[in-house]
């Protein structure tokens, strides 16, 4: 069984996403979105090539967010999570 792990940066971003969702949409919707993100991570761990190749990473879009990850021996490592409107230039540098 493949698994996913989150980098420190991805973990912090995920916390911010939850906090923002909680404040702006309420607990139920924040929980639903948080769970949907983790289900997407699980899917990518099982089928890592679902994401498109992007430089040395893979990328996958889920609703308002884009994940960048690396395929590893254990599954995937989620490196970065961005809102689709954020500048992502630093990831390729």
PDB file of N, CA and C in Angstrom:
ATOM      1  N   UNK A   1       0.841  -1.190   0.000  1.00  0.00           N
ATOM      2  CA  UNK A   1       0.000   0.000   0.000  1.00  0.00           C
ATOM      3  C   UNK A   1       0.877   1.240   0.000  1.00  0.00           C
ATOM      4  N   UNK A   2       0.636   2.123  -0.922  1.00  0.00           N
ATOM      5  CA  UNK A   2       1.381   3.371  -0.998  1.00  0.00           C
ATOM      6  C   UNK A   2       0.802   4.381  -0.021  1.00  0.00           C
ATOM      7  N   UNK A   3       1.668   5.252   0.435  1.00  0.00           N
ATOM      8  CA  UNK A   3       1.238   6.288   1.378  1.00  0.00           C
ATOM      9  C   UNK A   3       1.705   7.646   0.873  1.00  0.00           C
ATOM     10  N   UNK A   4       1.183   8.672   1.505  1.00  0.00           N
ATOM     11  CA  UNK A   4       1.649  10.019   1.206  1.00  0.00           C
ATOM     12  C   UNK A   4       2.187  10.636   2.487  1.00  0.00           C
ATOM     13  N   UNK A   5       3.145  11.497   2.306  1.00  0.00           N
ATOM     14  CA  UNK A   5       3.684  12.291   3.403  1.00  0.00           C
ATOM     15  C   UNK A   5       3.666  13.741   2.955  1.00  0.00           C
ATOM     16  N   UNK A   6       3.580  14.628   3.927  1.00  0.00           N
ATOM     17  CA  UNK A   6       3.577  16.063   3.653  1.00  0.00           C
ATOM     18  C   UNK A   6       4.876  16.687   4.121  1.00  0.00           C
ATOM     19  N   UNK A   7       5.449  17.548   3.311  1.00  0.00           N
ATOM     20  CA  UNK A   7       6.610  18.322   3.752  1.00  0.00           C
ATOM     21  C   UNK A   7       6.156  19.294   4.835  1.00  0.00           C
ATOM     22  N   UNK A   8       7.100  19.899   5.499  1.00  0.00           N
ATOM     23  CA  UNK A   8       6.771  20.906   6.516  1.00  0.00           C
ATOM     24  C   UNK A   8       6.000  22.065   5.885  1.00  0.00           C
ATOM     25  N   UNK A   9       6.430  22.491   4.703  1.00  0.00           N
ATOM     26  CA  UNK A   9       5.746  23.576   4.001  1.00  0.00           C
ATOM     27  C   UNK A   9       4.305  23.189   3.666  1.00  0.00           C
ATOM     28  N   UNK A  10       4.099  21.990   3.151  1.00  0.00           N
ATOM     29  CA  UNK A  10       2.748  21.537   2.805  1.00  0.00           C
ATOM     30  C   UNK A  10       1.872  21.412   4.043  1.00  0.00           C
ATOM     31  N   UNK A  11       2.445  20.953   5.143  1.00  0.00           N
ATOM     32  CA  UNK A  11       1.700  20.828   6.399  1.00  0.00           C
ATOM     33  C   UNK A  11       1.217  22.194   6.878  1.00  0.00           C
ATOM     34  N   UNK A  12       2.096  23.186   6.840  1.00  0.00           N
ATOM     35  CA  UNK A  12       1.725  24.544   7.253  1.00  0.00           C
ATOM     36  C   UNK A  12       0.645  25.121   6.349  1.00  0.00           C
ATOM     37  N   UNK A  13       0.781  24.899   5.055  1.00  0.00           N
ATOM     38  CA  UNK A  13      -0.214  25.405   4.109  1.00  0.00           C
ATOM     39  C   UNK A  13      -1.559  24.738   4.345  1.00  0.00           C
ATOM     40  N   UNK A  14      -1.556  23.447   4.594  1.00  0.00           N
ATOM     41  CA  UNK A  14      -2.804  22.727   4.857  1.00  0.00           C
ATOM     42  C   UNK A  14      -3.499  23.277   6.098  1.00  0.00           C
ATOM     43  N   UNK A  15      -2.730  23.606   7.122  1.00  0.00           N
ATOM     44  CA  UNK A  15      -3.303  24.219   8.329  1.00  0.00           C
ATOM     45  C   UNK A  15      -3.936  25.578   8.001  1.00  0.00           C
ATOM     46  N   UNK A  16      -3.258  26.359   7.182  1.00  0.00           N
ATOM     47  CA  UNK A  16      -3.789  27.675   6.792  1.00  0.00           C
ATOM     48  C   UNK A  16      -5.069  27.536   5.964  1.00  0.00           C
ATOM     49  N   UNK A  17      -5.096  26.538   5.078  1.00  0.00           N
ATOM     50  CA  UNK A  17      -6.299  26.295   4.277  1.00  0.00           C
ATOM     51  C   UNK A  17      -7.476  25.972   5.193  1.00  0.00           C
ATOM     52  N   UNK A  18      -7.229  25.122   6.187  1.00  0.00           N
ATOM     53  CA  UNK A  18      -8.310  24.752   7.103  1.00  0.00           C
ATOM     54  C   UNK A  18      -8.788  25.976   7.893  1.00  0.00           C
ATOM     55  N   UNK A  19      -7.850  26.742   8.425  1.00  0.00           N
ATOM     56  CA  UNK A  19      -8.215  27.936   9.197  1.00  0.00           C
ATOM     57  C   UNK A  19      -9.018  28.917   8.348  1.00  0.00           C
ATOM     58  N   UNK A  20      -8.570  29.156   7.125  1.00  0.00           N
ATOM     59  CA  UNK A  20      -9.281  30.072   6.231  1.00  0.00           C
ATOM     60  C   UNK A  20     -10.691  29.552   5.950  1.00  0.00           C
ATOM     61  N   UNK A  21     -10.790  28.269   5.649  1.00  0.00           N
ATOM     62  CA  UNK A  21     -12.097  27.673   5.352  1.00  0.00           C
ATOM     63  C   UNK A  21     -13.021  27.734   6.560  1.00  0.00           C
ATOM     64  N   UNK A  22     -12.482  27.487   7.723  1.00  0.00           N
ATOM     65  CA  UNK A  22     -13.269  27.525   8.953  1.00  0.00           C
ATOM     66  C   UNK A  22     -13.835  28.929   9.191  1.00  0.00           C
ATOM     67  N   UNK A  23     -12.983  29.924   9.049  1.00  0.00           N
ATOM     68  CA  UNK A  23     -13.408  31.305   9.278  1.00  0.00           C
ATOM     69  C   UNK A  23     -14.389  31.816   8.230  1.00  0.00           C
ATOM     70  N   UNK A  24     -14.221  31.376   6.992  1.00  0.00           N
ATOM     71  CA  UNK A  24     -15.016  31.922   5.897  1.00  0.00           C
ATOM     72  C   UNK A  24     -16.220  31.071   5.493  1.00  0.00           C
ATOM     73  N   UNK A  25     -16.183  29.782   5.793  1.00  0.00           N
ATOM     74  CA  UNK A  25     -17.245  28.897   5.316  1.00  0.00           C
ATOM     75  C   UNK A  25     -17.875  28.037   6.397  1.00  0.00           C
ATOM     76  N   UNK A  26     -17.294  28.038   7.596  1.00  0.00           N
ATOM     77  CA  UNK A  26     -17.855  27.253   8.683  1.00  0.00           C
ATOM     78  C   UNK A  26     -17.193  25.897   8.836  1.00  0.00           C
ATOM     79  N   UNK A  27     -17.457  25.293   9.982  1.00  0.00           N
ATOM     80  CA  UNK A  27     -16.793  24.042  10.347  1.00  0.00           C
ATOM     81  C   UNK A  27     -17.112  22.892   9.393  1.00  0.00           C
ATOM     82  N   UNK A  28     -18.374  22.730   9.031  1.00  0.00           N
ATOM     83  CA  UNK A  28     -18.746  21.606   8.180  1.00  0.00           C
ATOM     84  C   UNK A  28     -18.035  21.663   6.827  1.00  0.00           C
ATOM     85  N   UNK A  29     -18.072  22.821   6.183  1.00  0.00           N
ATOM     86  CA  UNK A  29     -17.415  22.937   4.874  1.00  0.00           C
ATOM     87  C   UNK A  29     -15.903  22.854   4.986  1.00  0.00           C
ATOM     88  N   UNK A  30     -15.345  23.403   6.068  1.00  0.00           N
ATOM     89  CA  UNK A  30     -13.895  23.296   6.280  1.00  0.00           C
ATOM     90  C   UNK A  30     -13.495  21.836   6.431  1.00  0.00           C
ATOM     91  N   UNK A  31     -14.265  21.094   7.219  1.00  0.00           N
ATOM     92  CA  UNK A  31     -13.984  19.666   7.401  1.00  0.00           C
ATOM     93  C   UNK A  31     -14.105  18.905   6.085  1.00  0.00           C
ATOM     94  N   UNK A  32     -15.169  19.184   5.335  1.00  0.00           N
ATOM     95  CA  UNK A  32     -15.381  18.502   4.054  1.00  0.00           C
ATOM     96  C   UNK A  32     -14.225  18.752   3.084  1.00  0.00           C
ATOM     97  N   UNK A  33     -13.781  20.004   3.003  1.00  0.00           N
ATOM     98  CA  UNK A  33     -12.694  20.320   2.079  1.00  0.00           C
ATOM     99  C   UNK A  33     -11.387  19.677   2.541  1.00  0.00           C
ATOM    100  N   UNK A  34     -11.135  19.728   3.838  1.00  0.00           N
ATOM    101  CA  UNK A  34      -9.928  19.121   4.404  1.00  0.00           C
ATOM    102  C   UNK A  34      -9.895  17.618   4.101  1.00  0.00           C
ATOM    103  N   UNK A  35     -11.018  16.962   4.292  1.00  0.00           N
ATOM    104  CA  UNK A  35     -11.107  15.524   4.007  1.00  0.00           C
ATOM    105  C   UNK A  35     -10.912  15.269   2.517  1.00  0.00           C
ATOM    106  N   UNK A  36     -11.496  16.123   1.664  1.00  0.00           N
ATOM    107  CA  UNK A  36     -11.342  15.931   0.218  1.00  0.00           C
ATOM    108  C   UNK A  36      -9.884  16.085  -0.215  1.00  0.00           C
ATOM    109  N   UNK A  37      -9.162  16.975   0.432  1.00  0.00           N
ATOM    110  CA  UNK A  37      -7.734  17.115   0.130  1.00  0.00           C
ATOM    111  C   UNK A  37      -6.988  15.834   0.476  1.00  0.00           C
ATOM    112  N   UNK A  38      -7.244  15.292   1.649  1.00  0.00           N
ATOM    113  CA  UNK A  38      -6.560  14.059   2.057  1.00  0.00           C
ATOM    114  C   UNK A  38      -6.951  12.872   1.177  1.00  0.00           C
ATOM    115  N   UNK A  39      -8.193  12.805   0.749  1.00  0.00           N
ATOM    116  CA  UNK A  39      -8.600  11.731  -0.166  1.00  0.00           C
ATOM    117  C   UNK A  39      -7.869  11.857  -1.498  1.00  0.00           C
ATOM    118  N   UNK A  40      -7.656  13.078  -1.940  1.00  0.00           N
ATOM    119  CA  UNK A  40      -6.897  13.303  -3.175  1.00  0.00           C
ATOM    120  C   UNK A  40      -5.448  12.888  -2.982  1.00  0.00           C
ATOM    121  N   UNK A  41      -4.859  13.191  -1.830  1.00  0.00           N
ATOM    122  CA  UNK A  41      -3.488  12.749  -1.549  1.00  0.00           C
ATOM    123  C   UNK A  41      -3.406  11.220  -1.586  1.00  0.00           C
ATOM    124  N   UNK A  42      -4.398  10.556  -0.989  1.00  0.00           N
ATOM    125  CA  UNK A  42      -4.432   9.089  -0.985  1.00  0.00           C
ATOM    126  C   UNK A  42      -4.515   8.540  -2.413  1.00  0.00           C
ATOM    127  N   UNK A  43      -5.373   9.144  -3.227  1.00  0.00           N
ATOM    128  CA  UNK A  43      -5.505   8.727  -4.615  1.00  0.00           C
ATOM    129  C   UNK A  43      -4.182   8.882  -5.359  1.00  0.00           C
ATOM    130  N   UNK A  44      -3.518  10.010  -5.168  1.00  0.00           N
ATOM    131  CA  UNK A  44      -2.238  10.244  -5.832  1.00  0.00           C
ATOM    132  C   UNK A  44      -1.165   9.283  -5.341  1.00  0.00           C
ATOM    133  N   UNK A  45      -1.213   8.911  -4.071  1.00  0.00           N
ATOM    134  CA  UNK A  45      -0.242   7.938  -3.551  1.00  0.00           C
ATOM    135  C   UNK A  45      -0.433   6.588  -4.238  1.00  0.00           C
ATOM    136  N   UNK A  46      -1.676   6.218  -4.479  1.00  0.00           N
ATOM    137  CA  UNK A  46      -1.977   4.947  -5.138  1.00  0.00           C
ATOM    138  C   UNK A  46      -1.726   5.006  -6.643  1.00  0.00           C
ATOM    139  N   UNK A  47      -1.947   6.171  -7.240  1.00  0.00           N
ATOM    140  CA  UNK A  47      -1.783   6.346  -8.678  1.00  0.00           C
ATOM    141  C   UNK A  47      -0.975   7.619  -8.949  1.00  0.00           C
ATOM    142  N   UNK A  48       0.299   7.604  -8.628  1.00  0.00           N
ATOM    143  CA  UNK A  48       1.102   8.834  -8.668  1.00  0.00           C
ATOM    144  C   UNK A  48       1.230   9.475 -10.046  1.00  0.00           C
ATOM    145  N   UNK A  49       1.035   8.705 -11.085  1.00  0.00           N
ATOM    146  CA  UNK A  49       1.161   9.295 -12.421  1.00  0.00           C
ATOM    147  C   UNK A  49      -0.102   9.987 -12.901  1.00  0.00           C
ATOM    148  N   UNK A  50      -1.110  10.116 -12.026  1.00  0.00           N
ATOM    149  CA  UNK A  50      -2.287  10.915 -12.370  1.00  0.00           C
ATOM    150  C   UNK A  50      -1.904  12.375 -12.544  1.00  0.00           C
ATOM    151  N   UNK A  51      -0.931  12.808 -11.765  1.00  0.00           N
ATOM    152  CA  UNK A  51      -0.458  14.182 -11.874  1.00  0.00           C
ATOM    153  C   UNK A  51       0.401  14.360 -13.112  1.00  0.00           C
ATOM    154  N   UNK A  52       0.379  15.565 -13.645  1.00  0.00           N
ATOM    155  CA  UNK A  52       1.202  15.871 -14.818  1.00  0.00           C
ATOM    156  C   UNK A  52       2.642  16.114 -14.396  1.00  0.00           C
ATOM    157  N   UNK A  53       3.553  15.722 -15.238  1.00  0.00           N
ATOM    158  CA  UNK A  53       4.969  15.974 -15.001  1.00  0.00           C
ATOM    159  C   UNK A  53       5.210  17.475 -15.095  1.00  0.00           C
ATOM    160  N   UNK A  54       5.968  18.008 -14.137  1.00  0.00           N
ATOM    161  CA  UNK A  54       6.286  19.434 -14.101  1.00  0.00           C
ATOM    162  C   UNK A  54       7.705  19.582 -13.578  1.00  0.00           C
ATOM    163  N   UNK A  55       8.649  19.796 -14.484  1.00  0.00           N
ATOM    164  CA  UNK A  55      10.075  19.803 -14.143  1.00  0.00           C
ATOM    165  C   UNK A  55      10.404  18.489 -13.445  1.00  0.00           C
ATOM    166  N   UNK A  56      11.000  18.530 -12.277  1.00  0.00           N
ATOM    167  CA  UNK A  56      11.331  17.280 -11.575  1.00  0.00           C
ATOM    168  C   UNK A  56      10.198  16.822 -10.656  1.00  0.00           C
ATOM    169  N   UNK A  57       9.084  17.520 -10.691  1.00  0.00           N
ATOM    170  CA  UNK A  57       7.932  17.211  -9.839  1.00  0.00           C
ATOM    171  C   UNK A  57       6.774  16.665 -10.676  1.00  0.00           C
ATOM    172  N   UNK A  58       5.713  16.364  -9.966  1.00  0.00           N
ATOM    173  CA  UNK A  58       4.401  16.141 -10.574  1.00  0.00           C
ATOM    174  C   UNK A  58       3.470  17.183  -9.969  1.00  0.00           C
ATOM    175  N   UNK A  59       2.431  17.536 -10.717  1.00  0.00           N
ATOM    176  CA  UNK A  59       1.457  18.492 -10.198  1.00  0.00           C
ATOM    177  C   UNK A  59       0.064  17.938 -10.425  1.00  0.00           C
ATOM    178  N   UNK A  60      -0.818  18.298  -9.511  1.00  0.00           N
ATOM    179  CA  UNK A  60      -2.204  17.858  -9.622  1.00  0.00           C
ATOM    180  C   UNK A  60      -3.085  18.967  -9.064  1.00  0.00           C
ATOM    181  N   UNK A  61      -4.185  19.224  -9.736  1.00  0.00           N
ATOM    182  CA  UNK A  61      -5.117  20.264  -9.302  1.00  0.00           C
ATOM    183  C   UNK A  61      -6.321  19.630  -8.625  1.00  0.00           C
ATOM    184  N   UNK A  62      -6.742  20.245  -7.539  1.00  0.00           N
ATOM    185  CA  UNK A  62      -7.934  19.811  -6.815  1.00  0.00           C
ATOM    186  C   UNK A  62      -8.688  21.055  -6.380  1.00  0.00           C
ATOM    187  N   UNK A  63      -9.842  21.263  -6.973  1.00  0.00           N
ATOM    188  CA  UNK A  63     -10.684  22.421  -6.686  1.00  0.00           C
ATOM    189  C   UNK A  63      -9.857  23.696  -6.789  1.00  0.00           C
ATOM    190  N   UNK A  64      -9.639  24.415  -5.690  1.00  0.00           N
ATOM    191  CA  UNK A  64      -8.929  25.696  -5.735  1.00  0.00           C
ATOM    192  C   UNK A  64      -7.431  25.585  -5.507  1.00  0.00           C
ATOM    193  N   UNK A  65      -6.918  24.366  -5.386  1.00  0.00           N
ATOM    194  CA  UNK A  65      -5.510  24.206  -5.029  1.00  0.00           C
ATOM    195  C   UNK A  65      -4.745  23.319  -6.012  1.00  0.00           C
ATOM    196  N   UNK A  66      -3.456  23.550  -6.041  1.00  0.00           N
ATOM    197  CA  UNK A  66      -2.540  22.790  -6.882  1.00  0.00           C
ATOM    198  C   UNK A  66      -1.491  22.185  -5.962  1.00  0.00           C
ATOM    199  N   UNK A  67      -1.235  20.896  -6.121  1.00  0.00           N
ATOM    200  CA  UNK A  67      -0.226  20.194  -5.317  1.00  0.00           C
ATOM    201  C   UNK A  67       0.977  19.904  -6.207  1.00  0.00           C
ATOM    202  N   UNK A  68       2.146  20.033  -5.636  1.00  0.00           N
ATOM    203  CA  UNK A  68       3.374  19.603  -6.279  1.00  0.00           C
ATOM    204  C   UNK A  68       3.960  18.496  -5.417  1.00  0.00           C
ATOM    205  N   UNK A  69       4.309  17.391  -6.053  1.00  0.00           N
ATOM    206  CA  UNK A  69       4.789  16.243  -5.283  1.00  0.00           C
ATOM    207  C   UNK A  69       5.863  15.479  -6.046  1.00  0.00           C
ATOM    208  N   UNK A  70       6.579  14.657  -5.293  1.00  0.00           N
ATOM    209  CA  UNK A  70       7.579  13.763  -5.860  1.00  0.00           C
ATOM    210  C   UNK A  70       7.141  12.332  -5.592  1.00  0.00           C
ATOM    211  N   UNK A  71       7.393  11.485  -6.558  1.00  0.00           N
ATOM    212  CA  UNK A  71       7.143  10.058  -6.377  1.00  0.00           C
ATOM    213  C   UNK A  71       8.341   9.476  -5.629  1.00  0.00           C
ATOM    214  N   UNK A  72       8.061   8.699  -4.589  1.00  0.00           N
ATOM    215  CA  UNK A  72       9.109   8.124  -3.747  1.00  0.00           C
ATOM    216  C   UNK A  72       8.935   6.612  -3.662  1.00  0.00           C
ATOM    217  N   UNK A  73       9.824   5.963  -2.934  1.00  0.00           N
ATOM    218  CA  UNK A  73       9.729   4.522  -2.727  1.00  0.00           C
ATOM    219  C   UNK A  73       8.498   4.145  -1.899  1.00  0.00           C
ATOM    220  N   UNK A  74       8.044   5.026  -1.042  1.00  0.00           N
ATOM    221  CA  UNK A  74       6.909   4.721  -0.167  1.00  0.00           C
ATOM    222  C   UNK A  74       5.572   5.161  -0.756  1.00  0.00           C
ATOM    223  N   UNK A  75       5.589   5.993  -1.767  1.00  0.00           N
ATOM    224  CA  UNK A  75       4.363   6.562  -2.347  1.00  0.00           C
ATOM    225  C   UNK A  75       4.676   7.930  -2.919  1.00  0.00           C
ATOM    226  N   UNK A  76       4.176   8.986  -2.257  1.00  0.00           N
ATOM    227  CA  UNK A  76       4.486  10.344  -2.711  1.00  0.00           C
ATOM    228  C   UNK A  76       4.798  11.250  -1.521  1.00  0.00           C
ATOM    229  N   UNK A  77       5.559  12.275  -1.825  1.00  0.00           N
ATOM    230  CA  UNK A  77       5.848  13.337  -0.859  1.00  0.00           C
ATOM    231  C   UNK A  77       5.245  14.615  -1.425  1.00  0.00           C
ATOM    232  N   UNK A  78       4.226  15.145  -0.734  1.00  0.00           N
ATOM    233  CA  UNK A  78       3.604  16.397  -1.132  1.00  0.00           C
ATOM    234  C   UNK A  78       4.546  17.515  -0.685  1.00  0.00           C
ATOM    235  N   UNK A  79       5.104  18.229  -1.640  1.00  0.00           N
ATOM    236  CA  UNK A  79       6.095  19.266  -1.333  1.00  0.00           C
ATOM    237  C   UNK A  79       5.455  20.623  -1.084  1.00  0.00           C
ATOM    238  N   UNK A  80       4.538  20.997  -1.961  1.00  0.00           N
ATOM    239  CA  UNK A  80       3.938  22.332  -1.889  1.00  0.00           C
ATOM    240  C   UNK A  80       2.462  22.252  -2.247  1.00  0.00           C
ATOM    241  N   UNK A  81       1.698  23.137  -1.636  1.00  0.00           N
ATOM    242  CA  UNK A  81       0.288  23.303  -1.962  1.00  0.00           C
ATOM    243  C   UNK A  81       0.067  24.795  -2.203  1.00  0.00           C
ATOM    244  N   UNK A  82      -0.482  25.128  -3.352  1.00  0.00           N
ATOM    245  CA  UNK A  82      -0.737  26.524  -3.690  1.00  0.00           C
ATOM    246  C   UNK A  82      -2.199  26.715  -4.040  1.00  0.00           C
ATOM    247  N   UNK A  83      -2.712  27.888  -3.706  1.00  0.00           N
ATOM    248  CA  UNK A  83      -4.014  28.289  -4.241  1.00  0.00           C
ATOM    249  C   UNK A  83      -3.790  28.602  -5.711  1.00  0.00           C
ATOM    250  N   UNK A  84      -4.756  28.304  -6.551  1.00  0.00           N
ATOM    251  CA  UNK A  84      -4.556  28.477  -7.989  1.00  0.00           C
ATOM    252  C   UNK A  84      -4.229  29.909  -8.388  1.00  0.00           C
ATOM    253  N   UNK A  85      -4.512  30.904  -7.539  1.00  0.00           N
ATOM    254  CA  UNK A  85      -4.206  32.294  -7.873  1.00  0.00           C
ATOM    255  C   UNK A  85      -2.837  32.745  -7.365  1.00  0.00           C
ATOM    256  N   UNK A  86      -2.151  31.901  -6.612  1.00  0.00           N
ATOM    257  CA  UNK A  86      -0.837  32.271  -6.080  1.00  0.00           C
ATOM    258  C   UNK A  86       0.241  32.179  -7.150  1.00  0.00           C
ATOM    259  N   UNK A  87       1.292  32.949  -6.966  1.00  0.00           N
ATOM    260  CA  UNK A  87       2.464  32.877  -7.814  1.00  0.00           C
ATOM    261  C   UNK A  87       3.268  31.659  -7.419  1.00  0.00           C
ATOM    262  N   UNK A  88       3.527  30.786  -8.370  1.00  0.00           N
ATOM    263  CA  UNK A  88       4.237  29.547  -8.088  1.00  0.00           C
ATOM    264  C   UNK A  88       5.657  29.549  -8.666  1.00  0.00           C
ATOM    265  N   UNK A  89       6.162  30.680  -9.031  1.00  0.00           N
ATOM    266  CA  UNK A  89       7.466  30.753  -9.674  1.00  0.00           C
ATOM    267  C   UNK A  89       8.584  30.190  -8.815  1.00  0.00           C
ATOM    268  N   UNK A  90       8.498  30.337  -7.497  1.00  0.00           N
ATOM    269  CA  UNK A  90       9.597  29.890  -6.647  1.00  0.00           C
ATOM    270  C   UNK A  90       9.791  28.389  -6.682  1.00  0.00           C
ATOM    271  N   UNK A  91       8.794  27.636  -7.076  1.00  0.00           N
ATOM    272  CA  UNK A  91       8.933  26.180  -7.094  1.00  0.00           C
ATOM    273  C   UNK A  91       9.893  25.719  -8.174  1.00  0.00           C
ATOM    274  N   UNK A  92      10.000  26.457  -9.251  1.00  0.00           N
ATOM    275  CA  UNK A  92      10.880  26.009 -10.334  1.00  0.00           C
ATOM    276  C   UNK A  92      12.283  26.594 -10.206  1.00  0.00           C
ATOM    277  N   UNK A  93      12.519  27.404  -9.223  1.00  0.00           N
ATOM    278  CA  UNK A  93      13.856  27.990  -9.016  1.00  0.00           C
ATOM    279  C   UNK A  93      14.603  27.264  -7.926  1.00  0.00           C
TER     280      UNK A  93
END
